[in-house]
Amino acid sequence: MGETSVIVHSDAKVLAQAAAARLVVKLIDAQAARGFASVVLTGGRMAATVYEAVAGMPARDAVDWSRVDLWWGDERFVPSGDPERNEVLAREALLDALPLDPARVHPMPPSDGPDGDDPEAAAARYAQMLAAAAKPGTAQLPHFDVLILGVGEDGHVASIFPEHPSAYETRPVSAVRGSPKPPPVRITLTLPTINTAEEVWLMAAGPEKSSAVGMAMAGGGPVQVPASGVHGVERTLWLLDRAAAAEVAPKLRSLR
């Protein structure tokens, strides 16, 4: 497990702009080191604001987007094109404006995809996609340079909810039934998969997130507070605004 850093920004807008700049730099550095970059995207309002900020940055053109692999941390198991899909959010906010290689964009299967309305089969299909992109040999997962997560008011990340069977799952990708947040059926990367990423970024803004962030930073158990069970191999980065950081110990914060 790598180092953990907590960066607190003045408000959600500044947080989004800073996260966008950080993401562009991370992708540039990854491509300089290996020739390509890989990022796992998330959904939610904060993520949409970050994606829009990237879209508006002139520096985004310093990234060779044709050599960026895009994955998703979780998805609502609804039909293709449904506005509730995290893929749709990402495409509208950013991806449609980028010169991506379609073969490197890997959305999770929709409920009207090749597996129909069977989320277990769709999750297994995504696990196979991940394995196919891994290094030749026994690896089940490709390298993720950065994996971005939002933190829910209950401390959930991706579609891993407190005390839910998904919090115990060890397979790379899991179907989620009975989600406490609608829609009830989802697909998610599991905690073991998330924790293979080089860097994991957890983003939260607003006073409604402060309790969950505080519990996670205080070491709440990963089943009770899934966000506390997330870490990057080299770095775990908490990107917060002041309201979300209200219950984080001052000694842990770095103000920006």
Protein backbone atom coordinates (compact mmCIF):
# COMPACT_ATOMS: atom_id res chain seq x y z
CA MET A 1 0.00 0.00 0.00
CA GLY A 2 1.40 3.38 -1.02
CA GLU A 3 1.24 6.77 0.62
CA THR A 4 -2.04 8.50 1.42
CA SER A 5 -2.50 12.22 0.84
CA VAL A 6 -5.46 14.46 1.64
CA ILE A 7 -5.81 17.62 -0.45
CA VAL A 8 -8.49 20.09 0.64
CA HIS A 9 -9.66 22.78 -1.78
CA SER A 10 -11.76 25.83 -0.98
CA ASP A 11 -14.87 24.66 -2.82
CA ALA A 12 -16.18 22.09 -5.29
CA LYS A 13 -15.39 24.21 -8.36
CA VAL A 14 -11.74 24.65 -7.42
CA LEU A 15 -11.56 20.95 -6.53
CA ALA A 16 -12.84 19.99 -10.00
CA GLN A 17 -10.42 22.29 -11.79
CA ALA A 18 -7.49 21.01 -9.75
CA ALA A 19 -8.48 17.36 -10.26
CA ALA A 20 -8.78 17.96 -14.00
CA ALA A 21 -5.30 19.47 -14.17
CA ARG A 22 -3.93 16.64 -12.04
CA LEU A 23 -5.50 14.06 -14.37
CA VAL A 24 -4.03 15.61 -17.51
CA VAL A 25 -0.56 15.67 -15.93
CA LYS A 26 -0.91 12.07 -14.78
CA LEU A 27 -1.83 10.91 -18.27
CA ILE A 28 1.04 12.86 -19.84
CA ASP A 29 3.51 11.35 -17.38
CA ALA A 30 2.19 7.82 -17.93
CA GLN A 31 2.52 8.17 -21.68
CA ALA A 32 6.04 9.53 -21.31
CA ALA A 33 6.96 6.49 -19.21
CA ARG A 34 5.22 3.71 -21.13
CA GLY A 35 3.79 5.13 -24.33
CA PHE A 36 0.16 4.79 -23.23
CA ALA A 37 -2.06 5.53 -20.24
CA SER A 38 -5.00 3.84 -18.59
CA VAL A 39 -7.70 5.45 -16.46
CA VAL A 40 -10.79 4.10 -14.72
CA LEU A 41 -13.69 6.55 -14.76
CA THR A 42 -16.53 7.03 -12.32
CA GLY A 43 -19.96 8.63 -12.35
CA GLY A 44 -21.71 11.28 -10.29
CA ARG A 45 -21.97 15.07 -10.21
CA MET A 46 -18.41 15.66 -9.05
CA ALA A 47 -16.98 13.47 -11.80
CA ALA A 48 -19.08 15.24 -14.44
CA THR A 49 -17.68 18.58 -13.27
CA VAL A 50 -14.13 17.25 -13.49
CA TYR A 51 -14.70 15.87 -16.99
CA GLU A 52 -16.14 19.20 -18.12
CA ALA A 53 -13.09 20.95 -16.68
CA VAL A 54 -10.77 18.65 -18.65
CA ALA A 55 -12.79 19.37 -21.81
CA GLY A 56 -12.25 23.10 -21.30
CA MET A 57 -8.49 22.92 -20.68
CA PRO A 58 -6.11 23.82 -23.53
CA ALA A 59 -3.57 21.51 -21.85
CA ARG A 60 -5.77 18.51 -22.65
CA ASP A 61 -4.21 18.56 -26.13
CA ALA A 62 -0.86 17.60 -24.60
CA VAL A 63 -2.32 14.12 -24.07
CA ASP A 64 -2.31 11.67 -26.96
CA TRP A 65 -5.88 10.55 -26.44
CA SER A 66 -5.56 7.85 -29.09
CA ARG A 67 -3.24 6.05 -26.64
CA VAL A 68 -5.46 6.27 -23.57
CA ASP A 69 -7.39 3.22 -22.38
CA LEU A 70 -10.66 4.05 -20.65
CA TRP A 71 -12.44 1.72 -18.23
CA TRP A 72 -15.30 2.21 -15.80
CA GLY A 73 -15.39 1.45 -12.09
CA ASP A 74 -19.10 0.73 -12.07
CA GLU A 75 -22.20 1.10 -14.16
CA ARG A 76 -25.96 1.20 -13.79
CA PHE A 77 -27.34 -1.89 -15.54
CA VAL A 78 -29.78 -0.06 -17.78
CA PRO A 79 -30.14 0.10 -21.58
CA SER A 80 -27.50 1.60 -23.84
CA GLY A 81 -27.91 5.35 -24.16
CA ASP A 82 -29.88 5.66 -20.93
CA PRO A 83 -28.96 8.99 -19.27
CA GLU A 84 -28.44 7.14 -15.97
CA ARG A 85 -25.43 5.30 -17.39
CA ASN A 86 -22.04 6.57 -16.23
CA GLU A 87 -20.80 6.00 -19.78
CA VAL A 88 -23.36 8.46 -21.14
CA LEU A 89 -22.36 11.07 -18.56
CA ALA A 90 -18.67 10.72 -19.44
CA ARG A 91 -19.30 10.86 -23.18
CA GLU A 92 -21.45 13.97 -22.95
CA ALA A 93 -19.12 15.79 -20.56
CA LEU A 94 -15.80 14.90 -22.21
CA LEU A 95 -15.28 11.80 -24.31
CA ASP A 96 -17.23 12.88 -27.38
CA ALA A 97 -14.90 15.87 -27.67
CA LEU A 98 -11.70 13.78 -27.66
CA PRO A 99 -9.88 12.00 -30.51
CA LEU A 100 -10.09 8.62 -28.78
CA ASP A 101 -9.40 5.22 -30.31
CA PRO A 102 -12.80 3.47 -30.02
CA ALA A 103 -11.01 0.15 -29.48
CA ARG A 104 -9.50 1.56 -26.27
CA VAL A 105 -12.85 2.67 -24.79
CA HIS A 106 -14.31 -0.10 -22.65
CA PRO A 107 -17.77 0.66 -21.26
CA MET A 108 -19.51 -1.93 -19.12
CA PRO A 109 -22.26 -3.89 -20.91
CA PRO A 110 -25.78 -2.43 -20.87
CA SER A 111 -28.95 -4.34 -20.07
CA ASP A 112 -29.78 -4.52 -23.78
CA GLY A 113 -26.30 -5.78 -24.67
CA PRO A 114 -25.12 -9.27 -25.68
CA ASP A 115 -26.01 -10.74 -22.27
CA GLY A 116 -29.50 -9.29 -22.17
CA ASP A 117 -30.80 -8.54 -18.71
CA ASP A 118 -28.39 -10.92 -16.95
CA PRO A 119 -26.03 -8.75 -14.85
CA GLU A 120 -23.95 -11.73 -13.71
CA ALA A 121 -23.17 -12.63 -17.32
CA ALA A 122 -22.43 -8.98 -18.12
CA ALA A 123 -20.05 -8.76 -15.15
CA ALA A 124 -18.28 -11.92 -16.30
CA ARG A 125 -18.00 -10.44 -19.79
CA TYR A 126 -16.33 -7.31 -18.40
CA ALA A 127 -13.93 -9.44 -16.38
CA GLN A 128 -12.99 -11.22 -19.62
CA MET A 129 -12.40 -7.84 -21.29
CA LEU A 130 -10.07 -6.85 -18.48
CA ALA A 131 -8.19 -10.14 -18.68
CA ALA A 132 -7.81 -9.78 -22.45
CA ALA A 133 -6.19 -6.38 -21.93
CA ALA A 134 -3.80 -7.65 -19.26
CA LYS A 135 -0.21 -8.62 -19.92
CA PRO A 136 0.18 -12.05 -21.50
CA GLY A 137 0.37 -14.77 -18.89
CA THR A 138 -1.72 -15.26 -15.79
CA ALA A 139 -2.68 -11.62 -15.09
CA GLN A 140 -6.40 -11.00 -14.76
CA LEU A 141 -6.21 -7.23 -14.92
CA PRO A 142 -4.46 -4.57 -17.00
CA HIS A 143 -2.40 -1.80 -15.45
CA PHE A 144 -4.49 1.15 -14.23
CA ASP A 145 -2.53 4.40 -13.92
CA VAL A 146 -5.32 6.12 -12.04
CA LEU A 147 -8.71 4.99 -10.82
CA ILE A 148 -11.18 7.74 -9.91
CA LEU A 149 -13.93 7.26 -7.35
CA GLY A 150 -16.66 9.38 -5.89
CA VAL A 151 -17.56 8.83 -2.23
CA GLY A 152 -21.23 8.45 -1.38
CA GLU A 153 -22.97 9.90 1.63
CA ASP A 154 -23.00 6.39 3.12
CA GLY A 155 -19.31 5.83 2.34
CA HIS A 156 -19.90 3.69 -0.74
CA VAL A 157 -17.49 3.71 -3.68
CA ALA A 158 -18.25 2.50 -7.21
CA SER A 159 -21.32 0.29 -6.54
CA ILE A 160 -19.91 -1.25 -3.37
CA PHE A 161 -22.34 -0.38 -0.60
CA PRO A 162 -22.01 -0.76 3.19
CA GLU A 163 -22.95 -4.21 4.50
CA HIS A 164 -23.90 -5.27 0.96
CA PRO A 165 -22.71 -8.57 -0.59
CA SER A 166 -20.64 -6.51 -3.05
CA ALA A 167 -18.41 -5.45 -0.15
CA TYR A 168 -17.37 -9.09 0.35
CA GLU A 169 -16.90 -9.94 -3.33
CA THR A 170 -13.46 -11.21 -4.43
CA ARG A 171 -14.03 -11.74 -8.15
CA PRO A 172 -12.67 -8.96 -10.39
CA VAL A 173 -16.13 -7.72 -11.42
CA SER A 174 -19.43 -8.29 -9.67
CA ALA A 175 -23.11 -7.89 -10.42
CA VAL A 176 -24.98 -5.89 -7.79
CA ARG A 177 -28.62 -6.57 -7.05
CA GLY A 178 -30.72 -4.72 -4.54
CA SER A 179 -28.63 -1.55 -4.57
CA PRO A 180 -29.80 0.85 -1.86
CA LYS A 181 -29.57 3.61 -4.47
CA PRO A 182 -31.58 3.39 -7.69
CA PRO A 183 -31.33 1.77 -10.10
CA PRO A 184 -31.24 -1.48 -8.10
CA VAL A 185 -29.13 -3.51 -10.54
CA ARG A 186 -25.55 -2.54 -11.31
CA ILE A 187 -22.11 -3.85 -12.26
CA THR A 188 -18.99 -2.91 -10.32
CA LEU A 189 -15.29 -3.50 -10.02
CA THR A 190 -14.66 -5.09 -6.65
CA LEU A 191 -12.38 -3.85 -3.88
CA PRO A 192 -9.55 -6.25 -4.81
CA THR A 193 -9.66 -4.96 -8.39
CA ILE A 194 -9.81 -1.31 -7.39
CA ASN A 195 -6.80 -1.80 -5.15
CA THR A 196 -4.57 -2.91 -8.04
CA ALA A 197 -4.52 0.62 -9.49
CA GLU A 198 -1.27 2.55 -9.32
CA GLU A 199 -3.13 5.55 -7.92
CA VAL A 200 -6.66 5.73 -6.51
CA TRP A 201 -8.31 9.13 -6.21
CA LEU A 202 -11.35 9.57 -3.98
CA MET A 203 -13.33 12.76 -4.57
CA ALA A 204 -15.96 14.28 -2.32
CA ALA A 205 -17.54 17.71 -2.01
CA GLY A 206 -20.25 19.13 0.17
CA PRO A 207 -21.25 18.87 3.84
CA GLU A 208 -23.36 15.79 3.19
CA LYS A 209 -20.15 13.83 2.52
CA SER A 210 -18.28 14.93 5.65
CA SER A 211 -19.44 12.11 7.92
CA ALA A 212 -18.56 9.35 5.46
CA VAL A 213 -15.17 10.91 4.69
CA GLY A 214 -14.44 11.33 8.38
CA MET A 215 -15.33 7.71 9.16
CA ALA A 216 -13.25 6.43 6.26
CA MET A 217 -10.22 8.50 7.26
CA ALA A 218 -10.61 7.36 10.86
CA GLY A 219 -10.25 3.75 9.80
CA GLY A 220 -13.82 2.49 9.57
CA GLY A 221 -14.00 -1.09 8.34
CA PRO A 222 -14.31 -1.67 4.58
CA VAL A 223 -17.60 -3.54 4.94
CA GLN A 224 -19.13 -0.75 7.03
CA VAL A 225 -17.44 2.09 5.09
CA PRO A 226 -16.24 0.76 1.71
CA ALA A 227 -14.26 3.95 1.03
CA SER A 228 -11.96 3.00 3.90
CA GLY A 229 -11.02 -0.23 2.11
CA VAL A 230 -9.72 1.53 -1.00
CA HIS A 231 -6.04 2.24 -1.64
CA GLY A 232 -3.66 2.63 -4.55
CA VAL A 233 -0.53 0.53 -4.94
CA GLU A 234 1.64 3.66 -5.01
CA ARG A 235 -0.69 6.41 -3.84
CA THR A 236 -4.14 7.05 -2.43
CA LEU A 237 -5.32 10.61 -2.94
CA TRP A 238 -8.31 12.16 -1.21
CA LEU A 239 -9.49 15.24 -3.11
CA LEU A 240 -11.95 17.17 -0.96
CA ASP A 241 -13.51 20.55 -0.55
CA ARG A 242 -13.58 22.19 2.87
CA ALA A 243 -17.14 21.11 3.59
CA ALA A 244 -16.43 17.44 2.89
CA ALA A 245 -13.23 17.62 4.95
CA ALA A 246 -14.95 19.03 8.04
CA GLU A 247 -14.55 15.80 10.04
CA VAL A 248 -11.02 14.97 8.88
CA ALA A 249 -8.32 15.51 11.50
CA PRO A 250 -6.52 18.80 10.74
CA LYS A 251 -3.11 17.12 10.89
CA LEU A 252 -4.09 14.98 7.88
CA ARG A 253 -5.11 17.87 5.63
CA SER A 254 -3.11 19.78 3.06
CA LEU A 255 -4.95 22.99 2.16
CA ARG A 256 -4.83 24.31 -1.40
